[in-house]
Amino acid sequence: MAVYDRSGCPINLAVELLGDRWTILILRDMMFAGRRHFRELLRESDERITSSILADRLERLRTAGIITRDDDPAHQQKAIYRLTERGIELVPVLATIGIWGSAHRDADPEKIDGARALSYQLPPSWAQFMQTLRARDGVTVGEVRDC
């Protein structure tokens, strides 16, 4: 499977691999729900991914070294998908998305605790950069603007 990078920008490179909703949700289910089989990923997710999209995204993640696919020793016709170290390093990314979603969207109260449990203190460099953006764009902390 060929991947065509539009630029060498690190954000672009990550978005080209992870930037669709299904890829992020598959990783969420693998990380936080412990789903490791195709059928679990297909049937136990609230968002109802199709089997063809799931198969495509799993192959993309496997090709990129985010997950592995191994035969399940307990069942000859099943495969087990596992996160690699590269995949595990995405935990802060997904946690940050979840924390933002729980703070700024109408999230299910029963699912917010999981995001909040992974809450963290912003690194000083991030906090400083965010202050720079607030000053540049005339935004005060906590302000919400309509588009």
Protein backbone atom coordinates (compact mmCIF):
# COMPACT_ATOMS: atom_id res chain seq x y z
CA MET A 1 0.00 0.00 0.00
CA ALA A 2 1.55 3.27 -1.08
CA VAL A 3 1.33 6.39 1.03
CA TYR A 4 1.71 9.69 -0.74
CA ASP A 5 2.98 12.39 1.60
CA ARG A 6 1.99 15.88 0.53
CA SER A 7 4.80 17.50 2.49
CA GLY A 8 7.44 16.75 5.07
CA CYS A 9 5.60 18.76 7.73
CA PRO A 10 5.36 16.54 10.84
CA ILE A 11 1.73 17.53 11.44
CA ASN A 12 0.83 16.72 7.84
CA LEU A 13 2.61 13.38 8.01
CA ALA A 14 0.69 12.41 11.16
CA VAL A 15 -2.64 13.62 9.74
CA GLU A 16 -2.13 11.66 6.52
CA LEU A 17 -1.80 8.49 8.58
CA LEU A 18 -4.17 9.18 11.48
CA GLY A 19 -6.41 11.97 10.25
CA ASP A 20 -9.64 10.17 9.53
CA ARG A 21 -12.14 9.41 12.26
CA TRP A 22 -12.03 5.65 11.80
CA THR A 23 -8.30 5.29 12.39
CA ILE A 24 -8.47 7.27 15.62
CA LEU A 25 -11.51 5.28 16.79
CA ILE A 26 -9.83 1.94 16.02
CA LEU A 27 -6.82 3.02 18.06
CA ARG A 28 -9.13 4.20 20.85
CA ASP A 29 -10.83 0.80 20.95
CA MET A 30 -7.52 -1.05 20.94
CA MET A 31 -6.00 1.15 23.66
CA PHE A 32 -8.86 1.88 26.00
CA ALA A 33 -11.33 -0.97 25.38
CA GLY A 34 -8.78 -3.76 24.90
CA ARG A 35 -10.23 -4.86 21.56
CA ARG A 36 -7.74 -6.99 19.63
CA HIS A 37 -9.81 -9.05 17.19
CA PHE A 38 -11.42 -7.90 13.95
CA ARG A 39 -14.90 -8.96 15.08
CA GLU A 40 -14.57 -7.03 18.38
CA LEU A 41 -13.45 -3.90 16.56
CA LEU A 42 -16.28 -4.29 14.06
CA ARG A 43 -19.20 -5.10 16.34
CA GLU A 44 -18.43 -3.60 19.74
CA SER A 45 -17.80 -0.01 18.71
CA ASP A 46 -20.69 2.46 19.06
CA GLU A 47 -19.80 4.15 15.76
CA ARG A 48 -20.55 1.15 13.47
CA ILE A 49 -17.58 1.00 11.16
CA THR A 50 -18.01 -1.12 8.02
CA SER A 51 -15.89 -4.23 7.58
CA SER A 52 -14.22 -2.90 4.44
CA ILE A 53 -13.17 0.36 6.13
CA LEU A 54 -11.98 -1.53 9.21
CA ALA A 55 -9.88 -3.90 7.09
CA ASP A 56 -8.37 -0.96 5.18
CA ARG A 57 -7.50 1.03 8.30
CA LEU A 58 -6.03 -1.99 10.09
CA GLU A 59 -3.81 -2.64 7.08
CA ARG A 60 -2.71 1.02 6.99
CA LEU A 61 -1.86 0.90 10.69
CA ARG A 62 0.00 -2.39 10.23
CA THR A 63 1.97 -1.08 7.26
CA ALA A 64 2.91 2.04 9.24
CA GLY A 65 4.18 -0.04 12.15
CA ILE A 66 1.48 1.17 14.57
CA ILE A 67 0.00 -2.31 15.09
CA THR A 68 0.93 -5.91 14.36
CA ARG A 69 -1.27 -8.73 13.12
CA ASP A 70 -0.55 -12.24 14.35
CA ASP A 71 -2.41 -15.53 14.10
CA ASP A 72 -4.45 -16.26 17.21
CA PRO A 73 -3.07 -19.49 18.71
CA ALA A 74 -6.45 -20.15 20.34
CA HIS A 75 -8.38 -20.01 17.06
CA GLN A 76 -6.94 -20.82 13.64
CA GLN A 77 -9.24 -18.48 11.73
CA LYS A 78 -8.69 -15.41 13.91
CA ALA A 79 -5.95 -12.84 14.06
CA ILE A 80 -4.84 -10.77 17.03
CA TYR A 81 -4.02 -7.11 16.50
CA ARG A 82 -1.57 -5.60 18.96
CA LEU A 83 -0.17 -2.12 19.43
CA THR A 84 3.53 -1.69 18.79
CA GLU A 85 5.68 0.74 20.76
CA ARG A 86 4.99 3.28 18.01
CA GLY A 87 1.26 2.74 18.61
CA ILE A 88 1.56 2.93 22.39
CA GLU A 89 3.33 6.29 21.98
CA LEU A 90 0.02 7.61 20.58
CA VAL A 91 -1.65 7.34 24.02
CA PRO A 92 -0.92 11.02 24.87
CA VAL A 93 -2.34 12.09 21.49
CA LEU A 94 -5.61 10.22 21.97
CA ALA A 95 -5.79 11.20 25.64
CA THR A 96 -5.40 14.88 24.68
CA ILE A 97 -8.18 14.56 22.08
CA GLY A 98 -10.40 12.90 24.72
CA ILE A 99 -9.64 15.54 27.33
CA TRP A 100 -10.46 18.32 24.86
CA GLY A 101 -13.66 16.53 23.77
CA SER A 102 -14.82 16.06 27.36
CA ALA A 103 -14.21 19.75 28.11
CA HIS A 104 -15.62 21.33 24.95
CA ARG A 105 -18.23 18.94 23.54
CA ASP A 106 -21.44 17.40 24.85
CA ALA A 107 -19.79 14.14 25.87
CA ASP A 108 -21.51 11.18 27.52
CA PRO A 109 -21.00 11.73 31.27
CA GLU A 110 -20.28 8.03 31.75
CA LYS A 111 -17.37 8.27 29.30
CA ILE A 112 -15.84 11.51 30.57
CA ASP A 113 -14.17 9.92 33.60
CA GLY A 114 -11.86 7.89 31.38
CA ALA A 115 -10.60 11.00 29.64
CA ARG A 116 -10.22 12.93 32.86
CA ALA A 117 -8.30 10.06 34.44
CA LEU A 118 -5.59 10.69 31.85
CA SER A 119 -5.53 14.44 32.45
CA TYR A 120 -2.13 16.06 32.77
CA GLN A 121 -0.36 19.34 33.38
CA LEU A 122 0.55 21.09 30.15
CA PRO A 123 4.26 21.24 29.47
CA PRO A 124 5.51 24.81 30.04
CA SER A 125 6.45 25.17 26.37
CA TRP A 126 2.86 24.36 25.31
CA ALA A 127 1.35 26.73 27.86
CA GLN A 128 3.66 29.53 26.73
CA PHE A 129 2.84 28.94 23.05
CA MET A 130 -0.89 28.93 23.85
CA GLN A 131 -0.49 32.27 25.67
CA THR A 132 1.28 33.66 22.62
CA LEU A 133 -1.65 32.57 20.43
CA ARG A 134 -4.19 34.08 22.86
CA ALA A 135 -2.33 37.41 22.82
CA ARG A 136 -2.00 37.37 19.04
CA ASP A 137 -5.67 36.53 18.48
CA GLY A 138 -7.15 38.61 21.33
CA VAL A 139 -8.60 35.64 23.22
CA THR A 140 -8.96 35.41 26.97
CA VAL A 141 -8.70 32.10 28.84
CA GLY A 142 -12.03 30.30 28.84
CA GLU A 143 -13.53 32.48 26.10
CA VAL A 144 -15.60 30.71 23.48
CA ARG A 145 -16.26 32.47 20.20
CA ASP A 146 -18.94 31.61 17.68
CA CYS A 147 -17.69 31.03 14.16
